[in-house]
Amino acid sequence: MVGRLGRRAVEALVLLFALLGFSYVPLGEHTGLEHTRAIMSTDAARRAARELAHSWLDLRQRWLGDPRGNLPAPAPSGGADQPSSEPLRELLSKSAPAEPASAEAPASQ
């Protein structure tokens, strides 16, 4: 366990130094982070991101179907499907199994 924990600590330290290097060490006139931000702010990169998102949504719809297609139809207004106004205790007592007759009497309110 200590060996695994030590290995994870070393990996985290290496990752930290890699992120610091990417953020602060210049590669020419700019750091790696600044180069990445400049590339991602171009029109071509924005268009590619938009097309990638569109492709991902199409693929998800093909695999899973339309997520809105599985919803039930809305209840007609004024119908009997309105939420019950019964107190919570009455609703719970209806769903609870019947208690044996030898059980204590319920406390009165």
N, C-alpha and C. Protein backbone atom coordinates (compact mmCIF):
# COMPACT_ATOMS: atom_id res chain seq x y z
N MET A 1 0.82 -1.19 0.00
CA MET A 1 0.00 0.00 0.00
C MET A 1 0.86 1.25 0.00
N VAL A 2 1.92 1.26 0.79
CA VAL A 2 2.79 2.43 0.86
C VAL A 2 3.49 2.63 -0.49
N GLY A 3 3.85 1.52 -1.14
CA GLY A 3 4.49 1.61 -2.45
C GLY A 3 3.56 2.22 -3.48
N ARG A 4 2.30 1.81 -3.45
CA ARG A 4 1.32 2.34 -4.39
C ARG A 4 1.06 3.82 -4.10
N LEU A 5 0.98 4.18 -2.82
CA LEU A 5 0.77 5.57 -2.44
C LEU A 5 1.95 6.43 -2.86
N GLY A 6 3.17 5.91 -2.66
CA GLY A 6 4.37 6.65 -3.07
C GLY A 6 4.42 6.85 -4.57
N ARG A 7 4.03 5.81 -5.31
CA ARG A 7 4.03 5.92 -6.77
C ARG A 7 3.03 6.98 -7.23
N ARG A 8 1.85 7.00 -6.62
CA ARG A 8 0.85 8.00 -6.96
C ARG A 8 1.33 9.41 -6.63
N ALA A 9 2.05 9.56 -5.52
CA ALA A 9 2.59 10.87 -5.14
C ALA A 9 3.62 11.35 -6.17
N VAL A 10 4.48 10.44 -6.61
CA VAL A 10 5.48 10.79 -7.62
C VAL A 10 4.80 11.16 -8.94
N GLU A 11 3.78 10.41 -9.32
CA GLU A 11 3.05 10.72 -10.55
C GLU A 11 2.38 12.09 -10.46
N ALA A 12 1.81 12.40 -9.31
CA ALA A 12 1.17 13.70 -9.13
C ALA A 12 2.20 14.82 -9.20
N LEU A 13 3.38 14.60 -8.64
CA LEU A 13 4.44 15.61 -8.67
C LEU A 13 4.93 15.83 -10.11
N VAL A 14 5.09 14.77 -10.87
CA VAL A 14 5.50 14.89 -12.27
C VAL A 14 4.44 15.64 -13.07
N LEU A 15 3.17 15.32 -12.83
CA LEU A 15 2.09 16.02 -13.52
C LEU A 15 2.09 17.51 -13.17
N LEU A 16 2.32 17.83 -11.90
CA LEU A 16 2.37 19.22 -11.48
C LEU A 16 3.49 19.97 -12.20
N PHE A 17 4.68 19.38 -12.27
CA PHE A 17 5.78 20.03 -12.97
C PHE A 17 5.52 20.15 -14.47
N ALA A 18 4.85 19.17 -15.05
CA ALA A 18 4.51 19.26 -16.47
C ALA A 18 3.55 20.40 -16.72
N LEU A 19 2.54 20.55 -15.86
CA LEU A 19 1.59 21.66 -16.02
C LEU A 19 2.25 23.01 -15.80
N LEU A 20 3.13 23.10 -14.82
CA LEU A 20 3.86 24.35 -14.60
C LEU A 20 4.75 24.69 -15.79
N GLY A 21 5.43 23.68 -16.34
CA GLY A 21 6.26 23.91 -17.51
C GLY A 21 5.45 24.35 -18.72
N PHE A 22 4.29 23.72 -18.91
CA PHE A 22 3.41 24.08 -20.02
C PHE A 22 2.92 25.51 -19.88
N SER A 23 2.71 25.95 -18.63
CA SER A 23 2.15 27.28 -18.38
C SER A 23 3.19 28.38 -18.35
N TYR A 24 4.44 28.08 -17.92
CA TYR A 24 5.40 29.14 -17.65
C TYR A 24 6.69 29.10 -18.46
N VAL A 25 7.04 27.98 -19.05
CA VAL A 25 8.30 27.89 -19.80
C VAL A 25 8.06 28.34 -21.23
N PRO A 26 8.79 29.36 -21.69
CA PRO A 26 8.56 29.87 -23.05
C PRO A 26 9.05 28.89 -24.12
N LEU A 27 8.26 28.78 -25.17
CA LEU A 27 8.63 28.01 -26.37
C LEU A 27 8.70 29.04 -27.50
N GLY A 28 9.84 29.64 -27.67
CA GLY A 28 9.95 30.77 -28.60
C GLY A 28 9.55 32.02 -27.85
N GLU A 29 8.58 32.75 -28.38
CA GLU A 29 8.13 33.98 -27.73
C GLU A 29 6.99 33.75 -26.75
N HIS A 30 6.33 32.61 -26.81
CA HIS A 30 5.16 32.34 -25.97
C HIS A 30 5.31 31.00 -25.28
N THR A 31 4.51 30.81 -24.23
CA THR A 31 4.49 29.51 -23.54
C THR A 31 3.60 28.55 -24.31
N GLY A 32 3.64 27.30 -23.94
CA GLY A 32 2.78 26.31 -24.58
C GLY A 32 1.31 26.64 -24.40
N LEU A 33 0.96 27.15 -23.23
CA LEU A 33 -0.43 27.53 -22.98
C LEU A 33 -0.85 28.69 -23.89
N GLU A 34 0.00 29.68 -24.06
CA GLU A 34 -0.33 30.81 -24.93
C GLU A 34 -0.45 30.37 -26.38
N HIS A 35 0.42 29.46 -26.82
CA HIS A 35 0.31 28.92 -28.18
C HIS A 35 -1.02 28.19 -28.36
N THR A 36 -1.40 27.39 -27.38
CA THR A 36 -2.65 26.64 -27.46
C THR A 36 -3.85 27.58 -27.50
N ARG A 37 -3.84 28.61 -26.66
CA ARG A 37 -4.93 29.58 -26.66
C ARG A 37 -5.03 30.30 -28.01
N ALA A 38 -3.88 30.65 -28.61
CA ALA A 38 -3.89 31.33 -29.91
C ALA A 38 -4.46 30.42 -31.00
N ILE A 39 -4.10 29.15 -30.95
CA ILE A 39 -4.60 28.21 -31.96
C ILE A 39 -6.10 28.01 -31.80
N MET A 40 -6.57 27.85 -30.57
CA MET A 40 -7.98 27.58 -30.32
C MET A 40 -8.88 28.79 -30.56
N SER A 41 -8.29 29.98 -30.65
CA SER A 41 -9.12 31.16 -30.87
C SER A 41 -9.31 31.48 -32.36
N THR A 42 -8.79 30.65 -33.25
CA THR A 42 -8.97 30.89 -34.67
C THR A 42 -10.37 30.45 -35.12
N ASP A 43 -10.80 31.00 -36.25
CA ASP A 43 -12.11 30.64 -36.78
C ASP A 43 -12.18 29.16 -37.16
N ALA A 44 -11.10 28.63 -37.71
CA ALA A 44 -11.09 27.22 -38.11
C ALA A 44 -11.25 26.31 -36.90
N ALA A 45 -10.60 26.65 -35.79
CA ALA A 45 -10.72 25.82 -34.59
C ALA A 45 -12.13 25.90 -34.01
N ARG A 46 -12.73 27.08 -34.04
CA ARG A 46 -14.11 27.22 -33.56
C ARG A 46 -15.07 26.41 -34.42
N ARG A 47 -14.86 26.47 -35.74
CA ARG A 47 -15.72 25.71 -36.65
C ARG A 47 -15.53 24.21 -36.42
N ALA A 48 -14.29 23.78 -36.22
CA ALA A 48 -14.03 22.36 -35.96
C ALA A 48 -14.69 21.91 -34.66
N ALA A 49 -14.64 22.75 -33.63
CA ALA A 49 -15.27 22.40 -32.36
C ALA A 49 -16.78 22.32 -32.51
N ARG A 50 -17.36 23.23 -33.28
CA ARG A 50 -18.80 23.21 -33.52
C ARG A 50 -19.21 21.95 -34.28
N GLU A 51 -18.43 21.58 -35.31
CA GLU A 51 -18.74 20.38 -36.08
C GLU A 51 -18.54 19.12 -35.26
N LEU A 52 -17.53 19.12 -34.41
CA LEU A 52 -17.30 17.98 -33.53
C LEU A 52 -18.47 17.80 -32.55
N ALA A 53 -18.95 18.90 -31.99
CA ALA A 53 -20.09 18.82 -31.08
C ALA A 53 -21.34 18.34 -31.81
N HIS A 54 -21.55 18.82 -33.04
CA HIS A 54 -22.70 18.39 -33.83
C HIS A 54 -22.60 16.90 -34.14
N SER A 55 -21.41 16.43 -34.51
CA SER A 55 -21.22 15.01 -34.80
C SER A 55 -21.46 14.16 -33.56
N TRP A 56 -20.99 14.65 -32.40
CA TRP A 56 -21.18 13.92 -31.16
C TRP A 56 -22.68 13.80 -30.84
N LEU A 57 -23.43 14.87 -31.02
CA LEU A 57 -24.87 14.82 -30.75
C LEU A 57 -25.59 13.88 -31.71
N ASP A 58 -25.19 13.88 -32.99
CA ASP A 58 -25.79 12.96 -33.96
C ASP A 58 -25.49 11.50 -33.59
N LEU A 59 -24.24 11.24 -33.20
CA LEU A 59 -23.86 9.88 -32.82
C LEU A 59 -24.62 9.43 -31.58
N ARG A 60 -24.74 10.32 -30.59
CA ARG A 60 -25.48 9.98 -29.38
C ARG A 60 -26.94 9.69 -29.70
N GLN A 61 -27.52 10.47 -30.63
CA GLN A 61 -28.92 10.25 -30.99
C GLN A 61 -29.08 8.92 -31.72
N ARG A 62 -28.12 8.55 -32.57
CA ARG A 62 -28.20 7.26 -33.25
C ARG A 62 -28.08 6.10 -32.28
N TRP A 63 -27.21 6.21 -31.30
CA TRP A 63 -27.00 5.12 -30.34
C TRP A 63 -28.13 5.02 -29.33
N LEU A 64 -28.55 6.15 -28.79
CA LEU A 64 -29.51 6.13 -27.69
C LEU A 64 -30.92 6.50 -28.11
N GLY A 65 -31.09 7.02 -29.29
CA GLY A 65 -32.40 7.49 -29.72
C GLY A 65 -32.63 8.90 -29.21
N ASP A 66 -33.74 9.45 -29.57
CA ASP A 66 -34.07 10.81 -29.15
C ASP A 66 -34.46 10.79 -27.68
N PRO A 67 -33.73 11.49 -26.81
CA PRO A 67 -34.08 11.43 -25.39
C PRO A 67 -35.44 12.02 -25.09
N ARG A 68 -35.94 12.90 -25.94
CA ARG A 68 -37.26 13.47 -25.72
C ARG A 68 -38.36 12.56 -26.22
N GLY A 69 -38.01 11.56 -27.02
CA GLY A 69 -39.02 10.65 -27.56
C GLY A 69 -39.58 9.69 -26.53
N ASN A 70 -38.93 9.49 -25.40
CA ASN A 70 -39.37 8.55 -24.39
C ASN A 70 -40.23 9.18 -23.31
N LEU A 71 -40.48 10.47 -23.39
CA LEU A 71 -41.28 11.14 -22.37
C LEU A 71 -42.76 10.85 -22.60
N PRO A 72 -43.52 10.70 -21.51
CA PRO A 72 -44.97 10.49 -21.70
C PRO A 72 -45.62 11.78 -22.17
N ALA A 73 -46.78 11.64 -22.78
CA ALA A 73 -47.51 12.81 -23.24
C ALA A 73 -47.96 13.63 -22.04
N PRO A 74 -48.02 14.95 -22.17
CA PRO A 74 -48.45 15.76 -21.03
C PRO A 74 -49.91 15.49 -20.67
N ALA A 75 -50.21 15.55 -19.38
CA ALA A 75 -51.58 15.32 -18.92
C ALA A 75 -52.45 16.49 -19.34
N PRO A 76 -53.69 16.21 -19.70
CA PRO A 76 -54.59 17.30 -20.09
C PRO A 76 -54.84 18.21 -18.89
N SER A 77 -55.00 19.49 -19.18
CA SER A 77 -55.23 20.44 -18.09
C SER A 77 -56.59 20.18 -17.46
N GLY A 78 -56.64 20.29 -16.14
CA GLY A 78 -57.89 20.06 -15.42
C GLY A 78 -58.21 18.59 -15.26
N GLY A 79 -57.29 17.71 -15.60
CA GLY A 79 -57.52 16.27 -15.49
C GLY A 79 -57.38 15.78 -14.05
N ALA A 80 -57.58 14.50 -13.84
CA ALA A 80 -57.52 13.90 -12.51
C ALA A 80 -56.09 13.59 -12.09
N ASP A 81 -55.13 13.85 -12.92
CA ASP A 81 -53.75 13.51 -12.60
C ASP A 81 -53.05 14.59 -11.78
N GLN A 82 -53.80 15.40 -11.07
CA GLN A 82 -53.20 16.44 -10.25
C GLN A 82 -52.56 15.82 -9.02
N PRO A 83 -51.52 16.44 -8.46
CA PRO A 83 -50.89 15.90 -7.26
C PRO A 83 -51.89 15.83 -6.11
N SER A 84 -51.72 14.83 -5.29
CA SER A 84 -52.63 14.63 -4.18
C SER A 84 -52.38 15.67 -3.10
N SER A 85 -53.46 16.11 -2.45
CA SER A 85 -53.31 17.08 -1.37
C SER A 85 -53.37 16.40 -0.01
N GLU A 86 -53.39 15.06 0.01
CA GLU A 86 -53.42 14.35 1.29
C GLU A 86 -52.11 14.57 2.02
N PRO A 87 -52.16 14.64 3.33
CA PRO A 87 -50.92 14.80 4.09
C PRO A 87 -49.99 13.62 3.87
N LEU A 88 -48.72 13.86 4.05
CA LEU A 88 -47.69 12.85 3.80
C LEU A 88 -47.91 11.61 4.67
N ARG A 89 -48.31 11.80 5.91
CA ARG A 89 -48.51 10.66 6.82
C ARG A 89 -49.59 9.72 6.28
N GLU A 90 -50.68 10.28 5.74
CA GLU A 90 -51.74 9.43 5.20
C GLU A 90 -51.25 8.68 3.97
N LEU A 91 -50.47 9.34 3.14
CA LEU A 91 -49.94 8.66 1.95
C LEU A 91 -49.01 7.53 2.33
N LEU A 92 -48.16 7.76 3.34
CA LEU A 92 -47.24 6.72 3.77
C LEU A 92 -47.96 5.56 4.43
N SER A 93 -49.02 5.84 5.19
CA SER A 93 -49.75 4.77 5.86
C SER A 93 -50.48 3.90 4.83
N LYS A 94 -50.88 4.47 3.72
CA LYS A 94 -51.54 3.68 2.69
C LYS A 94 -50.56 2.73 2.01
N SER A 95 -49.31 3.16 1.87
CA SER A 95 -48.34 2.33 1.17
C SER A 95 -47.64 1.35 2.09
N ALA A 96 -47.72 1.56 3.41
CA ALA A 96 -47.06 0.67 4.36
C ALA A 96 -47.88 -0.60 4.52
N PRO A 97 -47.22 -1.75 4.75
CA PRO A 97 -47.97 -2.99 4.97
C PRO A 97 -48.73 -2.91 6.29
N ALA A 98 -49.81 -3.66 6.37
CA ALA A 98 -50.63 -3.65 7.59
C ALA A 98 -49.83 -4.23 8.75
N GLU A 99 -49.94 -3.60 9.92
CA GLU A 99 -49.22 -4.05 11.10
C GLU A 99 -50.07 -5.08 11.83
N PRO A 100 -49.45 -6.01 12.56
CA PRO A 100 -50.23 -6.99 13.31
C PRO A 100 -51.03 -6.31 14.41
N ALA A 101 -52.09 -6.96 14.86
CA ALA A 101 -52.98 -6.39 15.86
C ALA A 101 -52.29 -6.23 17.20
N SER A 102 -51.22 -6.97 17.50
CA SER A 102 -50.55 -6.89 18.79
C SER A 102 -49.61 -5.69 18.89
N ALA A 103 -49.45 -4.94 17.82
CA ALA A 103 -48.57 -3.78 17.84
C ALA A 103 -49.19 -2.69 18.68
N GLU A 104 -48.37 -1.75 19.17
CA GLU A 104 -48.85 -0.67 19.99
C GLU A 104 -49.80 0.21 19.18
N ALA A 105 -50.69 0.85 19.87
CA ALA A 105 -51.65 1.75 19.21
C ALA A 105 -50.90 2.97 18.73
N PRO A 106 -51.27 3.51 17.55
CA PRO A 106 -50.58 4.71 17.04
C PRO A 106 -50.84 5.90 17.95
N ALA A 107 -49.87 6.77 18.04
CA ALA A 107 -50.00 7.95 18.87
C ALA A 107 -50.99 8.91 18.24
N SER A 108 -51.83 9.52 19.07
CA SER A 108 -52.81 10.46 18.55
C SER A 108 -52.16 11.81 18.34
N GLN A 109 -52.73 12.58 17.44
CA GLN A 109 -52.13 13.88 17.10
C GLN A 109 -52.63 14.95 18.01
